[in-house]
Structures are given as structure tokens and as C-alpha cells.
Amino acid sequence: MLNKAIELSMMYPHVEREDYCVAWPQPPGDGDQRERYDNYCCFLFNMLEGAWRLKKGRPKLVAELVPVEEYAWRHRTWWSNDSYANADGYSPGFRSFIGRILDDIKRRKGIA
């Protein structure tokens, strides 16, 4: 799945551009780009949840399998957008896991 994520980001580079990601839910571009990004994020978080389940929620082991911090941080706006409730479709344990990662990154970056 990680190779597929890389392949998708090469085919559709906007899905990994920081300016595009943080502009969610109103990114620049057409509806097709927006739909691709929405589906890409769903794919990524499904992949991350699969790794989380496989490694029984152990952060270090998950991070050895997939770049969870990189993906969670880059796509944080999609994940936490209240209007679309994207995170709500995931298990409570996984939501807490991603929440802790995002909170830790904010703390390290000095972001409130």
C-alpha cells in the first residue's frame, strides 16, 4: 500500500503539496483534483489504520512500517475538518493514536 501511495502522489502531485493540503476543504483547482485528494487521504488513513492494527497500536512499530508522522501531519487538515467528519469513520483507538501524533508534532513545533 505504501508503494501505491507513492505512485498516486507521483501521478497526482497536488495531493502531497503542502499549500494544497492545508487549503482543504477549499483547495485551488477543479473538482476532479479535490475528489482525487479526498480519496487519496482516505486511502492514506486506511493504510495507516491497517499498519496500526497490524502493529497492535504500538507507535514505534507503526512508524517502522509507514511514515505515519509525515502523512498525518501533511494531511492534518483533511483529518480534522469538522465539516466533513473524516476521522469519524475510524476506530476510536486509531483516532486517539493520530490525535496524539498531531499533538506531539504541534508541541515540538511550538504550535498552540
PDB file of N, CA and C in Angstrom:
ATOM      1  N   MET A   1       0.822  -1.200   0.000  1.00  0.00           N
ATOM      2  CA  MET A   1       0.000   0.000   0.000  1.00  0.00           C
ATOM      3  C   MET A   1       0.866   1.264   0.000  1.00  0.00           C
ATOM      4  N   LEU A   2       1.999   1.192   0.668  1.00  0.00           N
ATOM      5  CA  LEU A   2       2.890   2.349   0.699  1.00  0.00           C
ATOM      6  C   LEU A   2       3.391   2.669  -0.708  1.00  0.00           C
ATOM      7  N   ASN A   3       3.747   1.648  -1.460  1.00  0.00           N
ATOM      8  CA  ASN A   3       4.176   1.881  -2.836  1.00  0.00           C
ATOM      9  C   ASN A   3       3.053   2.485  -3.669  1.00  0.00           C
ATOM     10  N   LYS A   4       1.830   2.065  -3.435  1.00  0.00           N
ATOM     11  CA  LYS A   4       0.691   2.637  -4.153  1.00  0.00           C
ATOM     12  C   LYS A   4       0.510   4.107  -3.793  1.00  0.00           C
ATOM     13  N   ALA A   5       0.686   4.452  -2.531  1.00  0.00           N
ATOM     14  CA  ALA A   5       0.581   5.854  -2.106  1.00  0.00           C
ATOM     15  C   ALA A   5       1.634   6.701  -2.815  1.00  0.00           C
ATOM     16  N   ILE A   6       2.837   6.174  -2.923  1.00  0.00           N
ATOM     17  CA  ILE A   6       3.905   6.897  -3.614  1.00  0.00           C
ATOM     18  C   ILE A   6       3.563   7.044  -5.095  1.00  0.00           C
ATOM     19  N   GLU A   7       3.070   5.962  -5.688  1.00  0.00           N
ATOM     20  CA  GLU A   7       2.678   6.004  -7.098  1.00  0.00           C
ATOM     21  C   GLU A   7       1.580   7.048  -7.325  1.00  0.00           C
ATOM     22  N   LEU A   8       0.576   7.065  -6.474  1.00  0.00           N
ATOM     23  CA  LEU A   8      -0.504   8.044  -6.613  1.00  0.00           C
ATOM     24  C   LEU A   8       0.008   9.473  -6.479  1.00  0.00           C
ATOM     25  N   SER A   9       0.918   9.693  -5.543  1.00  0.00           N
ATOM     26  CA  SER A   9       1.442  11.050  -5.359  1.00  0.00           C
ATOM     27  C   SER A   9       2.315  11.486  -6.541  1.00  0.00           C
ATOM     28  N   MET A  10       2.910  10.523  -7.244  1.00  0.00           N
ATOM     29  CA  MET A  10       3.668  10.867  -8.451  1.00  0.00           C
ATOM     30  C   MET A  10       2.727  11.169  -9.613  1.00  0.00           C
ATOM     31  N   MET A  11       1.632  10.443  -9.698  1.00  0.00           N
ATOM     32  CA  MET A  11       0.653  10.673 -10.768  1.00  0.00           C
ATOM     33  C   MET A  11      -0.108  11.982 -10.559  1.00  0.00           C
ATOM     34  N   TYR A  12      -0.387  12.294  -9.302  1.00  0.00           N
ATOM     35  CA  TYR A  12      -1.172  13.476  -8.949  1.00  0.00           C
ATOM     36  C   TYR A  12      -0.422  14.264  -7.876  1.00  0.00           C
ATOM     37  N   PRO A  13       0.612  14.999  -8.265  1.00  0.00           N
ATOM     38  CA  PRO A  13       1.479  15.648  -7.261  1.00  0.00           C
ATOM     39  C   PRO A  13       0.773  16.629  -6.341  1.00  0.00           C
ATOM     40  N   HIS A  14      -0.367  17.159  -6.756  1.00  0.00           N
ATOM     41  CA  HIS A  14      -1.064  18.114  -5.889  1.00  0.00           C
ATOM     42  C   HIS A  14      -1.474  17.483  -4.558  1.00  0.00           C
ATOM     43  N   VAL A  15      -1.631  16.159  -4.514  1.00  0.00           N
ATOM     44  CA  VAL A  15      -2.105  15.512  -3.283  1.00  0.00           C
ATOM     45  C   VAL A  15      -1.078  15.552  -2.153  1.00  0.00           C
ATOM     46  N   GLU A  16       0.166  15.894  -2.475  1.00  0.00           N
ATOM     47  CA  GLU A  16       1.195  15.994  -1.444  1.00  0.00           C
ATOM     48  C   GLU A  16       1.777  17.405  -1.315  1.00  0.00           C
ATOM     49  N   ARG A  17       1.237  18.359  -2.054  1.00  0.00           N
ATOM     50  CA  ARG A  17       1.721  19.742  -1.927  1.00  0.00           C
ATOM     51  C   ARG A  17       1.121  20.369  -0.671  1.00  0.00           C
ATOM     52  N   GLU A  18       1.986  20.880   0.162  1.00  0.00           N
ATOM     53  CA  GLU A  18       1.554  21.448   1.446  1.00  0.00           C
ATOM     54  C   GLU A  18       0.484  22.523   1.268  1.00  0.00           C
ATOM     55  N   ASP A  19       0.681  23.426   0.311  1.00  0.00           N
ATOM     56  CA  ASP A  19      -0.290  24.506   0.126  1.00  0.00           C
ATOM     57  C   ASP A  19      -1.664  23.967  -0.264  1.00  0.00           C
ATOM     58  N   TYR A  20      -1.695  22.912  -1.045  1.00  0.00           N
ATOM     59  CA  TYR A  20      -2.967  22.304  -1.431  1.00  0.00           C
ATOM     60  C   TYR A  20      -3.609  21.619  -0.218  1.00  0.00           C
ATOM     61  N   CYS A  21      -2.813  20.886   0.515  1.00  0.00           N
ATOM     62  CA  CYS A  21      -3.333  20.113   1.650  1.00  0.00           C
ATOM     63  C   CYS A  21      -3.922  20.999   2.743  1.00  0.00           C
ATOM     64  N   VAL A  22      -3.231  22.068   3.086  1.00  0.00           N
ATOM     65  CA  VAL A  22      -3.722  22.921   4.172  1.00  0.00           C
ATOM     66  C   VAL A  22      -4.898  23.787   3.749  1.00  0.00           C
ATOM     67  N   ALA A  23      -5.148  23.880   2.445  1.00  0.00           N
ATOM     68  CA  ALA A  23      -6.285  24.672   1.969  1.00  0.00           C
ATOM     69  C   ALA A  23      -7.602  23.892   2.039  1.00  0.00           C
ATOM     70  N   TRP A  24      -7.528  22.618   2.372  1.00  0.00           N
ATOM     71  CA  TRP A  24      -8.743  21.806   2.464  1.00  0.00           C
ATOM     72  C   TRP A  24      -9.712  22.423   3.468  1.00  0.00           C
ATOM     73  N   PRO A  25     -10.990  22.506   3.212  1.00  0.00           N
ATOM     74  CA  PRO A  25     -11.768  21.854   2.175  1.00  0.00           C
ATOM     75  C   PRO A  25     -11.992  22.702   0.919  1.00  0.00           C
ATOM     76  N   GLN A  26     -11.297  23.818   0.806  1.00  0.00           N
ATOM     77  CA  GLN A  26     -11.460  24.672  -0.381  1.00  0.00           C
ATOM     78  C   GLN A  26     -10.123  24.856  -1.098  1.00  0.00           C
ATOM     79  N   PRO A  27      -9.490  23.764  -1.528  1.00  0.00           N
ATOM     80  CA  PRO A  27      -8.204  23.899  -2.208  1.00  0.00           C
ATOM     81  C   PRO A  27      -8.388  24.477  -3.608  1.00  0.00           C
ATOM     82  N   PRO A  28      -7.309  25.012  -4.173  1.00  0.00           N
ATOM     83  CA  PRO A  28      -7.398  25.515  -5.542  1.00  0.00           C
ATOM     84  C   PRO A  28      -7.564  24.347  -6.522  1.00  0.00           C
ATOM     85  N   GLY A  29      -7.989  24.652  -7.714  1.00  0.00           N
ATOM     86  CA  GLY A  29      -8.104  23.617  -8.729  1.00  0.00           C
ATOM     87  C   GLY A  29      -9.544  23.209  -8.963  1.00  0.00           C
ATOM     88  N   ASP A  30      -9.682  22.207  -9.803  1.00  0.00           N
ATOM     89  CA  ASP A  30     -11.028  21.786 -10.193  1.00  0.00           C
ATOM     90  C   ASP A  30     -11.572  20.691  -9.274  1.00  0.00           C
ATOM     91  N   GLY A  31     -12.810  20.310  -9.541  1.00  0.00           N
ATOM     92  CA  GLY A  31     -13.484  19.295  -8.733  1.00  0.00           C
ATOM     93  C   GLY A  31     -12.812  17.938  -8.795  1.00  0.00           C
ATOM     94  N   ASP A  32     -12.223  17.608  -9.954  1.00  0.00           N
ATOM     95  CA  ASP A  32     -11.525  16.327 -10.072  1.00  0.00           C
ATOM     96  C   ASP A  32     -10.317  16.264  -9.133  1.00  0.00           C
ATOM     97  N   GLN A  33      -9.565  17.358  -9.057  1.00  0.00           N
ATOM     98  CA  GLN A  33      -8.419  17.393  -8.146  1.00  0.00           C
ATOM     99  C   GLN A  33      -8.880  17.245  -6.705  1.00  0.00           C
ATOM    100  N   ARG A  34      -9.932  17.927  -6.364  1.00  0.00           N
ATOM    101  CA  ARG A  34     -10.464  17.868  -4.999  1.00  0.00           C
ATOM    102  C   ARG A  34     -10.915  16.444  -4.657  1.00  0.00           C
ATOM    103  N   GLU A  35     -11.611  15.809  -5.594  1.00  0.00           N
ATOM    104  CA  GLU A  35     -12.074  14.441  -5.366  1.00  0.00           C
ATOM    105  C   GLU A  35     -10.897  13.468  -5.257  1.00  0.00           C
ATOM    106  N   ARG A  36      -9.888  13.654  -6.099  1.00  0.00           N
ATOM    107  CA  ARG A  36      -8.690  12.800  -6.007  1.00  0.00           C
ATOM    108  C   ARG A  36      -8.030  12.957  -4.645  1.00  0.00           C
ATOM    109  N   TYR A  37      -7.916  14.201  -4.190  1.00  0.00           N
ATOM    110  CA  TYR A  37      -7.285  14.427  -2.892  1.00  0.00           C
ATOM    111  C   TYR A  37      -8.096  13.794  -1.763  1.00  0.00           C
ATOM    112  N   ASP A  38      -9.392  13.948  -1.801  1.00  0.00           N
ATOM    113  CA  ASP A  38     -10.250  13.366  -0.779  1.00  0.00           C
ATOM    114  C   ASP A  38     -10.077  11.845  -0.737  1.00  0.00           C
ATOM    115  N   ASN A  39     -10.096  11.224  -1.900  1.00  0.00           N
ATOM    116  CA  ASN A  39      -9.912   9.768  -1.967  1.00  0.00           C
ATOM    117  C   ASN A  39      -8.503   9.350  -1.574  1.00  0.00           C
ATOM    118  N   TYR A  40      -7.521  10.142  -1.951  1.00  0.00           N
ATOM    119  CA  TYR A  40      -6.130   9.861  -1.575  1.00  0.00           C
ATOM    120  C   TYR A  40      -5.978   9.863  -0.057  1.00  0.00           C
ATOM    121  N   CYS A  41      -6.543  10.861   0.585  1.00  0.00           N
ATOM    122  CA  CYS A  41      -6.455  10.932   2.056  1.00  0.00           C
ATOM    123  C   CYS A  41      -7.151   9.743   2.706  1.00  0.00           C
ATOM    124  N   CYS A  42      -8.294   9.375   2.193  1.00  0.00           N
ATOM    125  CA  CYS A  42      -8.991   8.206   2.710  1.00  0.00           C
ATOM    126  C   CYS A  42      -8.106   6.966   2.557  1.00  0.00           C
ATOM    127  N   PHE A  43      -7.493   6.809   1.403  1.00  0.00           N
ATOM    128  CA  PHE A  43      -6.572   5.700   1.163  1.00  0.00           C
ATOM    129  C   PHE A  43      -5.424   5.719   2.176  1.00  0.00           C
ATOM    130  N   LEU A  44      -4.816   6.911   2.370  1.00  0.00           N
ATOM    131  CA  LEU A  44      -3.682   7.019   3.295  1.00  0.00           C
ATOM    132  C   LEU A  44      -4.068   6.637   4.719  1.00  0.00           C
ATOM    133  N   PHE A  45      -5.167   7.195   5.195  1.00  0.00           N
ATOM    134  CA  PHE A  45      -5.547   6.908   6.574  1.00  0.00           C
ATOM    135  C   PHE A  45      -6.029   5.472   6.742  1.00  0.00           C
ATOM    136  N   ASN A  46      -6.588   4.887   5.702  1.00  0.00           N
ATOM    137  CA  ASN A  46      -6.891   3.453   5.753  1.00  0.00           C
ATOM    138  C   ASN A  46      -5.596   2.645   5.864  1.00  0.00           C
ATOM    139  N   MET A  47      -4.584   3.053   5.099  1.00  0.00           N
ATOM    140  CA  MET A  47      -3.289   2.386   5.168  1.00  0.00           C
ATOM    141  C   MET A  47      -2.684   2.528   6.566  1.00  0.00           C
ATOM    142  N   LEU A  48      -2.745   3.733   7.104  1.00  0.00           N
ATOM    143  CA  LEU A  48      -2.182   3.965   8.440  1.00  0.00           C
ATOM    144  C   LEU A  48      -2.935   3.156   9.496  1.00  0.00           C
ATOM    145  N   GLU A  49      -4.256   3.102   9.368  1.00  0.00           N
ATOM    146  CA  GLU A  49      -5.017   2.316  10.330  1.00  0.00           C
ATOM    147  C   GLU A  49      -4.683   0.829  10.199  1.00  0.00           C
ATOM    148  N   GLY A  50      -4.478   0.356   8.989  1.00  0.00           N
ATOM    149  CA  GLY A  50      -4.081  -1.035   8.794  1.00  0.00           C
ATOM    150  C   GLY A  50      -2.754  -1.338   9.460  1.00  0.00           C
ATOM    151  N   ALA A  51      -1.797  -0.421   9.327  1.00  0.00           N
ATOM    152  CA  ALA A  51      -0.498  -0.592   9.988  1.00  0.00           C
ATOM    153  C   ALA A  51      -0.660  -0.544  11.502  1.00  0.00           C
ATOM    154  N   TRP A  52      -1.514   0.359  11.972  1.00  0.00           N
ATOM    155  CA  TRP A  52      -1.769   0.489  13.408  1.00  0.00           C
ATOM    156  C   TRP A  52      -2.357  -0.805  13.961  1.00  0.00           C
ATOM    157  N   ARG A  53      -3.304  -1.382  13.242  1.00  0.00           N
ATOM    158  CA  ARG A  53      -3.900  -2.655  13.681  1.00  0.00           C
ATOM    159  C   ARG A  53      -2.871  -3.782  13.653  1.00  0.00           C
ATOM    160  N   LEU A  54      -2.121  -3.855  12.557  1.00  0.00           N
ATOM    161  CA  LEU A  54      -1.116  -4.904  12.402  1.00  0.00           C
ATOM    162  C   LEU A  54      -0.094  -4.866  13.536  1.00  0.00           C
ATOM    163  N   LYS A  55       0.304  -3.662  13.920  1.00  0.00           N
ATOM    164  CA  LYS A  55       1.315  -3.493  14.972  1.00  0.00           C
ATOM    165  C   LYS A  55       0.692  -3.261  16.347  1.00  0.00           C
ATOM    166  N   LYS A  56      -0.610  -3.575  16.460  1.00  0.00           N
ATOM    167  CA  LYS A  56      -1.345  -3.515  17.726  1.00  0.00           C
ATOM    168  C   LYS A  56      -1.225  -2.156  18.424  1.00  0.00           C
ATOM    169  N   GLY A  57      -1.210  -1.090  17.620  1.00  0.00           N
ATOM    170  CA  GLY A  57      -1.218   0.263  18.158  1.00  0.00           C
ATOM    171  C   GLY A  57       0.084   0.734  18.771  1.00  0.00           C
ATOM    172  N   ARG A  58       1.145  -0.013  18.598  1.00  0.00           N
ATOM    173  CA  ARG A  58       2.437   0.399  19.176  1.00  0.00           C
ATOM    174  C   ARG A  58       3.112   1.418  18.256  1.00  0.00           C
ATOM    175  N   PRO A  59       3.180   2.677  18.711  1.00  0.00           N
ATOM    176  CA  PRO A  59       3.654   3.769  17.851  1.00  0.00           C
ATOM    177  C   PRO A  59       5.000   3.516  17.176  1.00  0.00           C
ATOM    178  N   LYS A  60       5.961   3.030  17.907  1.00  0.00           N
ATOM    179  CA  LYS A  60       7.287   2.829  17.324  1.00  0.00           C
ATOM    180  C   LYS A  60       7.238   1.789  16.203  1.00  0.00           C
ATOM    181  N   LEU A  61       6.486   0.726  16.407  1.00  0.00           N
ATOM    182  CA  LEU A  61       6.388  -0.315  15.387  1.00  0.00           C
ATOM    183  C   LEU A  61       5.616   0.165  14.156  1.00  0.00           C
ATOM    184  N   VAL A  62       4.586   0.975  14.372  1.00  0.00           N
ATOM    185  CA  VAL A  62       3.840   1.537  13.250  1.00  0.00           C
ATOM    186  C   VAL A  62       4.771   2.435  12.428  1.00  0.00           C
ATOM    187  N   ALA A  63       5.545   3.269  13.124  1.00  0.00           N
ATOM    188  CA  ALA A  63       6.461   4.191  12.447  1.00  0.00           C
ATOM    189  C   ALA A  63       7.557   3.460  11.679  1.00  0.00           C
ATOM    190  N   GLU A  64       7.903   2.265  12.106  1.00  0.00           N
ATOM    191  CA  GLU A  64       8.894   1.483  11.365  1.00  0.00           C
ATOM    192  C   GLU A  64       8.310   0.933  10.069  1.00  0.00           C
ATOM    193  N   LEU A  65       7.003   0.823  10.000  1.00  0.00           N
ATOM    194  CA  LEU A  65       6.326   0.253   8.840  1.00  0.00           C
ATOM    195  C   LEU A  65       5.913   1.319   7.819  1.00  0.00           C
ATOM    196  N   VAL A  66       5.396   2.438   8.290  1.00  0.00           N
ATOM    197  CA  VAL A  66       4.924   3.521   7.420  1.00  0.00           C
ATOM    198  C   VAL A  66       5.321   4.869   8.025  1.00  0.00           C
ATOM    199  N   PRO A  67       5.485   5.903   7.194  1.00  0.00           N
ATOM    200  CA  PRO A  67       5.835   7.232   7.712  1.00  0.00           C
ATOM    201  C   PRO A  67       4.606   7.940   8.295  1.00  0.00           C
ATOM    202  N   VAL A  68       4.122   7.419   9.406  1.00  0.00           N
ATOM    203  CA  VAL A  68       2.850   7.870   9.971  1.00  0.00           C
ATOM    204  C   VAL A  68       2.871   9.355  10.347  1.00  0.00           C
ATOM    205  N   GLU A  69       3.961   9.826  10.924  1.00  0.00           N
ATOM    206  CA  GLU A  69       4.006  11.244  11.302  1.00  0.00           C
ATOM    207  C   GLU A  69       3.954  12.140  10.076  1.00  0.00           C
ATOM    208  N   GLU A  70       4.711  11.785   9.059  1.00  0.00           N
ATOM    209  CA  GLU A  70       4.740  12.583   7.838  1.00  0.00           C
ATOM    210  C   GLU A  70       3.355  12.676   7.204  1.00  0.00           C
ATOM    211  N   TYR A  71       2.687  11.536   7.058  1.00  0.00           N
ATOM    212  CA  TYR A  71       1.365  11.536   6.434  1.00  0.00           C
ATOM    213  C   TYR A  71       0.319  12.210   7.321  1.00  0.00           C
ATOM    214  N   ALA A  72       0.341  11.928   8.603  1.00  0.00           N
ATOM    215  CA  ALA A  72      -0.653  12.532   9.500  1.00  0.00           C
ATOM    216  C   ALA A  72      -0.509  14.056   9.513  1.00  0.00           C
ATOM    217  N   TRP A  73       0.721  14.539   9.567  1.00  0.00           N
ATOM    218  CA  TRP A  73       0.929  15.986   9.623  1.00  0.00           C
ATOM    219  C   TRP A  73       0.548  16.645   8.291  1.00  0.00           C
ATOM    220  N   ARG A  74       0.994  16.077   7.188  1.00  0.00           N
ATOM    221  CA  ARG A  74       0.712  16.674   5.881  1.00  0.00           C
ATOM    222  C   ARG A  74      -0.792  16.756   5.626  1.00  0.00           C
ATOM    223  N   HIS A  75      -1.526  15.765   6.078  1.00  0.00           N
ATOM    224  CA  HIS A  75      -2.955  15.689   5.758  1.00  0.00           C
ATOM    225  C   HIS A  75      -3.838  15.967   6.979  1.00  0.00           C
ATOM    226  N   ARG A  76      -3.294  16.708   7.911  1.00  0.00           N
ATOM    227  CA  ARG A  76      -3.990  17.019   9.174  1.00  0.00           C
ATOM    228  C   ARG A  76      -5.277  17.805   8.951  1.00  0.00           C
ATOM    229  N   THR A  77      -5.298  18.683   7.952  1.00  0.00           N
ATOM    230  CA  THR A  77      -6.484  19.495   7.716  1.00  0.00           C
ATOM    231  C   THR A  77      -7.633  18.622   7.218  1.00  0.00           C
ATOM    232  N   TRP A  78      -7.329  17.679   6.344  1.00  0.00           N
ATOM    233  CA  TRP A  78      -8.360  16.736   5.885  1.00  0.00           C
ATOM    234  C   TRP A  78      -8.865  15.917   7.065  1.00  0.00           C
ATOM    235  N   TRP A  79      -7.945  15.428   7.878  1.00  0.00           N
ATOM    236  CA  TRP A  79      -8.285  14.563   9.006  1.00  0.00           C
ATOM    237  C   TRP A  79      -9.179  15.273  10.014  1.00  0.00           C
ATOM    238  N   SER A  80      -8.875  16.509  10.309  1.00  0.00           N
ATOM    239  CA  SER A  80      -9.548  17.182  11.422  1.00  0.00           C
ATOM    240  C   SER A  80     -10.642  18.156  10.993  1.00  0.00           C
ATOM    241  N   ASN A  81     -11.020  18.154   9.731  1.00  0.00           N
ATOM    242  CA  ASN A  81     -12.049  19.073   9.275  1.00  0.00           C
ATOM    243  C   ASN A  81     -13.415  18.654   9.811  1.00  0.00           C
ATOM    244  N   ASP A  82     -13.983  19.491  10.657  1.00  0.00           N
ATOM    245  CA  ASP A  82     -15.262  19.177  11.295  1.00  0.00           C
ATOM    246  C   ASP A  82     -16.432  19.111  10.314  1.00  0.00           C
ATOM    247  N   SER A  83     -16.365  19.877   9.248  1.00  0.00           N
ATOM    248  CA  SER A  83     -17.468  19.897   8.288  1.00  0.00           C
ATOM    249  C   SER A  83     -17.670  18.550   7.605  1.00  0.00           C
ATOM    250  N   TYR A  84     -16.587  17.809   7.442  1.00  0.00           N
ATOM    251  CA  TYR A  84     -16.672  16.547   6.732  1.00  0.00           C
ATOM    252  C   TYR A  84     -16.553  15.334   7.645  1.00  0.00           C
ATOM    253  N   ALA A  85     -16.115  15.536   8.872  1.00  0.00           N
ATOM    254  CA  ALA A  85     -16.016  14.469   9.874  1.00  0.00           C
ATOM    255  C   ALA A  85     -15.279  13.247   9.324  1.00  0.00           C
ATOM    256  N   ASN A  86     -14.171  13.478   8.616  1.00  0.00           N
ATOM    257  CA  ASN A  86     -13.420  12.384   8.011  1.00  0.00           C
ATOM    258  C   ASN A  86     -12.903  11.388   9.040  1.00  0.00           C
ATOM    259  N   ALA A  87     -12.452  11.872  10.167  1.00  0.00           N
ATOM    260  CA  ALA A  87     -11.883  10.984  11.181  1.00  0.00           C
ATOM    261  C   ALA A  87     -12.935  10.097  11.839  1.00  0.00           C
ATOM    262  N   ASP A  88     -14.188  10.504  11.772  1.00  0.00           N
ATOM    263  CA  ASP A  88     -15.244   9.769  12.469  1.00  0.00           C
ATOM    264  C   ASP A  88     -15.430   8.340  11.973  1.00  0.00           C
ATOM    265  N   GLY A  89     -15.008   8.053  10.762  1.00  0.00           N
ATOM    266  CA  GLY A  89     -15.171   6.713  10.216  1.00  0.00           C
ATOM    267  C   GLY A  89     -14.134   5.714  10.715  1.00  0.00           C
ATOM    268  N   TYR A  90     -13.209   6.173  11.514  1.00  0.00           N
ATOM    269  CA  TYR A  90     -12.134   5.313  12.002  1.00  0.00           C
ATOM    270  C   TYR A  90     -12.388   4.925  13.455  1.00  0.00           C
ATOM    271  N   SER A  91     -11.732   3.870  13.878  1.00  0.00           N
ATOM    272  CA  SER A  91     -11.934   3.370  15.236  1.00  0.00           C
ATOM    273  C   SER A  91     -11.462   4.394  16.267  1.00  0.00           C
ATOM    274  N   PRO A  92     -12.091   4.414  17.427  1.00  0.00           N
ATOM    275  CA  PRO A  92     -11.695   5.372  18.467  1.00  0.00           C
ATOM    276  C   PRO A  92     -10.210   5.257  18.848  1.00  0.00           C
ATOM    277  N   GLY A  93      -9.702   4.048  18.920  1.00  0.00           N
ATOM    278  CA  GLY A  93      -8.293   3.872  19.270  1.00  0.00           C
ATOM    279  C   GLY A  93      -7.359   4.478  18.239  1.00  0.00           C
ATOM    280  N   PHE A  94      -7.687   4.288  16.968  1.00  0.00           N
ATOM    281  CA  PHE A  94      -6.869   4.857  15.901  1.00  0.00           C
ATOM    282  C   PHE A  94      -6.985   6.375  15.896  1.00  0.00           C
ATOM    283  N   ARG A  95      -8.173   6.904  16.115  1.00  0.00           N
ATOM    284  CA  ARG A  95      -8.338   8.361  16.181  1.00  0.00           C
ATOM    285  C   ARG A  95      -7.487   8.946  17.304  1.00  0.00           C
ATOM    286  N   SER A  96      -7.448   8.272  18.430  1.00  0.00           N
ATOM    287  CA  SER A  96      -6.608   8.734  19.547  1.00  0.00           C
ATOM    288  C   SER A  96      -5.133   8.684  19.176  1.00  0.00           C
ATOM    289  N   PHE A  97      -4.739   7.623  18.490  1.00  0.00           N
ATOM    290  CA  PHE A  97      -3.355   7.461  18.040  1.00  0.00           C
ATOM    291  C   PHE A  97      -2.941   8.625  17.142  1.00  0.00           C
ATOM    292  N   ILE A  98      -3.760   8.940  16.142  1.00  0.00           N
ATOM    293  CA  ILE A  98      -3.450  10.052  15.238  1.00  0.00           C
ATOM    294  C   ILE A  98      -3.493  11.376  16.006  1.00  0.00           C
ATOM    295  N   GLY A  99      -4.447  11.542  16.895  1.00  0.00           N
ATOM    296  CA  GLY A  99      -4.528  12.756  17.706  1.00  0.00           C
ATOM    297  C   GLY A  99      -3.275  12.976  18.538  1.00  0.00           C
ATOM    298  N   ARG A 100      -2.764  11.904  19.134  1.00  0.00           N
ATOM    299  CA  ARG A 100      -1.529  12.019  19.925  1.00  0.00           C
ATOM    300  C   ARG A 100      -0.342  12.402  19.043  1.00  0.00           C
ATOM    301  N   ILE A 101      -0.284  11.831  17.853  1.00  0.00           N
ATOM    302  CA  ILE A 101       0.803  12.167  16.925  1.00  0.00           C
ATOM    303  C   ILE A 101       0.734  13.644  16.558  1.00  0.00           C
ATOM    304  N   LEU A 102      -0.438  14.116  16.196  1.00  0.00           N
ATOM    305  CA  LEU A 102      -0.581  15.520  15.808  1.00  0.00           C
ATOM    306  C   LEU A 102      -0.285  16.458  16.971  1.00  0.00           C
ATOM    307  N   ASP A 103      -0.752  16.111  18.159  1.00  0.00           N
ATOM    308  CA  ASP A 103      -0.468  16.934  19.340  1.00  0.00           C
ATOM    309  C   ASP A 103       1.022  16.977  19.632  1.00  0.00           C
ATOM    310  N   ASP A 104       1.699  15.838  19.479  1.00  0.00           N
ATOM    311  CA  ASP A 104       3.142  15.783  19.728  1.00  0.00           C
ATOM    312  C   ASP A 104       3.897  16.640  18.712  1.00  0.00           C
ATOM    313  N   ILE A 105       3.510  16.584  17.457  1.00  0.00           N
ATOM    314  CA  ILE A 105       4.168  17.392  16.438  1.00  0.00           C
ATOM    315  C   ILE A 105       3.937  18.875  16.708  1.00  0.00           C
ATOM    316  N   LYS A 106       2.724  19.242  17.070  1.00  0.00           N
ATOM    317  CA  LYS A 106       2.437  20.644  17.414  1.00  0.00           C
ATOM    318  C   LYS A 106       3.303  21.100  18.582  1.00  0.00           C
ATOM    319  N   ARG A 107       3.427  20.235  19.593  1.00  0.00           N
ATOM    320  CA  ARG A 107       4.245  20.586  20.753  1.00  0.00           C
ATOM    321  C   ARG A 107       5.704  20.789  20.335  1.00  0.00           C
ATOM    322  N   ARG A 108       6.227  19.900  19.515  1.00  0.00           N
ATOM    323  CA  ARG A 108       7.617  20.024  19.062  1.00  0.00           C
ATOM    324  C   ARG A 108       7.832  21.254  18.203  1.00  0.00           C
ATOM    325  N   LYS A 109       6.821  21.650  17.431  1.00  0.00           N
ATOM    326  CA  LYS A 109       6.924  22.804  16.566  1.00  0.00           C
ATOM    327  C   LYS A 109       6.571  24.109  17.293  1.00  0.00           C
ATOM    328  N   GLY A 110       6.076  23.985  18.514  1.00  0.00           N
ATOM    329  CA  GLY A 110       5.678  25.168  19.268  1.00  0.00           C
ATOM    330  C   GLY A 110       4.394  25.794  18.760  1.00  0.00           C
ATOM    331  N   ILE A 111       3.493  24.951  18.255  1.00  0.00           N
ATOM    332  CA  ILE A 111       2.210  25.422  17.728  1.00  0.00           C
ATOM    333  C   ILE A 111       1.137  25.188  18.777  1.00  0.00           C
ATOM    334  N   ALA A 112       0.325  26.201  19.006  1.00  0.00           N
ATOM    335  CA  ALA A 112      -0.735  26.073  20.014  1.00  0.00           C
ATOM    336  C   ALA A 112      -1.848  25.195  19.552  1.00  0.00           C
TER     337      ALA A 112
END
